[in-house]
Amino acid sequence: MSPDIAIVENRFAAPAKDNLFAVVDFKFKNDRIDGQQINRYDETFSKPKVSIVRMPEDCPPCESLEKKNDADANKGRGSKRR
C-alpha cells in the first residue's frame, strides 16, 4: 500500500514519515477504497492528512477538458465543398 502523492512538510528534507504533511490516493472507475485501506493509511501515516480523489467524479474540469479535446480533434474532419 502506498499513496499516489506524498506532500512533505519541508521540501528541503527527505520524504520520510516524520516529514509528511499529507498523502493523496487517486481512485479511478471501478477502484474502491474500503475501511481496511483507510485504517492502514491511518496506522501508517498517523500524522498527515489523507485525501482520496475519485477520478473523474472529483474532477469536473477534467470532463470539460476531455470534451474540448474531442471537439478539437474533430475540427477539420469531413469534406469541404467548393
Protein backbone atom coordinates (compact mmCIF):
# COMPACT_ATOMS: atom_id res chain seq x y z
CA MET A 1 0.00 0.00 0.00
CA SER A 2 1.33 3.37 -0.98
CA PRO A 3 -0.28 6.72 -1.72
CA ASP A 4 -0.10 8.22 -5.20
CA ILE A 5 1.25 11.54 -3.92
CA ALA A 6 3.13 12.37 -0.73
CA ILE A 7 3.27 16.04 0.23
CA VAL A 8 6.17 16.86 2.52
CA GLU A 9 6.32 19.49 5.28
CA ASN A 10 9.87 20.56 4.48
CA ARG A 11 10.71 20.35 0.78
CA PHE A 12 14.43 20.51 1.53
CA ALA A 13 14.30 17.39 3.74
CA ALA A 14 13.92 13.78 2.66
CA PRO A 15 10.37 12.46 2.22
CA ALA A 16 10.24 10.44 5.44
CA LYS A 17 7.34 9.58 7.77
CA ASP A 18 8.21 12.44 10.12
CA ASN A 19 8.28 14.92 7.20
CA LEU A 20 4.85 14.18 5.68
CA PHE A 21 2.14 16.83 5.57
CA ALA A 22 -0.43 14.85 3.58
CA VAL A 23 -0.86 11.84 1.32
CA VAL A 24 -3.21 11.57 -1.67
CA ASP A 25 -4.69 8.43 -3.17
CA PHE A 26 -6.39 8.56 -6.58
CA LYS A 27 -9.27 6.18 -7.27
CA PHE A 28 -10.40 5.55 -10.84
CA LYS A 29 -13.52 3.87 -12.23
CA ASN A 30 -14.27 0.54 -10.54
CA ASP A 31 -11.48 1.19 -7.98
CA ARG A 32 -12.76 1.40 -4.41
CA ILE A 33 -11.37 2.21 -1.03
CA ASP A 34 -12.53 0.11 1.88
CA GLY A 35 -12.37 0.55 5.62
CA GLN A 36 -9.26 -1.63 5.90
CA GLN A 37 -7.31 0.57 3.49
CA ILE A 38 -8.36 3.71 5.36
CA ASN A 39 -7.30 2.08 8.66
CA ARG A 40 -3.92 1.11 7.15
CA TYR A 41 -3.40 4.69 6.00
CA ASP A 42 -4.28 5.94 9.50
CA GLU A 43 -1.86 3.44 11.10
CA THR A 44 0.97 4.02 8.62
CA PHE A 45 0.63 7.77 8.20
CA SER A 46 -0.75 8.81 11.57
CA LYS A 47 0.34 12.45 11.47
CA PRO A 48 -0.52 13.62 7.91
CA LYS A 49 -3.89 14.13 6.39
CA VAL A 50 -5.14 11.53 3.92
CA SER A 51 -7.08 12.66 0.86
CA ILE A 52 -8.94 10.39 -1.51
CA VAL A 53 -9.59 11.76 -5.01
CA ARG A 54 -12.12 9.93 -7.18
CA MET A 55 -11.45 10.37 -10.88
CA PRO A 56 -13.28 11.79 -12.79
CA GLU A 57 -16.06 12.41 -10.21
CA ASP A 58 -13.92 14.76 -8.09
CA CYS A 59 -12.51 16.48 -11.14
CA PRO A 60 -15.34 18.06 -13.20
CA PRO A 61 -12.91 20.28 -15.17
CA CYS A 62 -11.31 17.07 -16.48
CA GLU A 63 -14.61 16.15 -18.12
CA SER A 64 -14.76 19.59 -19.73
CA LEU A 65 -11.20 19.21 -20.98
CA GLU A 66 -11.99 15.79 -22.45
CA LYS A 67 -14.99 17.22 -24.32
CA LYS A 68 -12.88 20.15 -25.55
CA ASN A 69 -10.10 17.81 -26.69
CA ASP A 70 -12.63 15.61 -28.51
CA ALA A 71 -14.13 18.67 -30.20
CA ASP A 72 -10.66 19.95 -31.17
CA ALA A 73 -9.72 16.54 -32.55
CA ASN A 74 -12.85 16.50 -34.71
CA LYS A 75 -12.27 20.00 -36.13
CA GLY A 76 -11.34 19.95 -39.76
CA ARG A 77 -12.70 16.45 -40.32
CA GLY A 78 -15.21 15.86 -43.03
CA SER A 79 -15.31 17.07 -46.58
CA LYS A 80 -15.29 20.68 -47.61
CA ARG A 81 -17.16 21.58 -50.78
CA ARG A 82 -16.06 24.37 -53.01
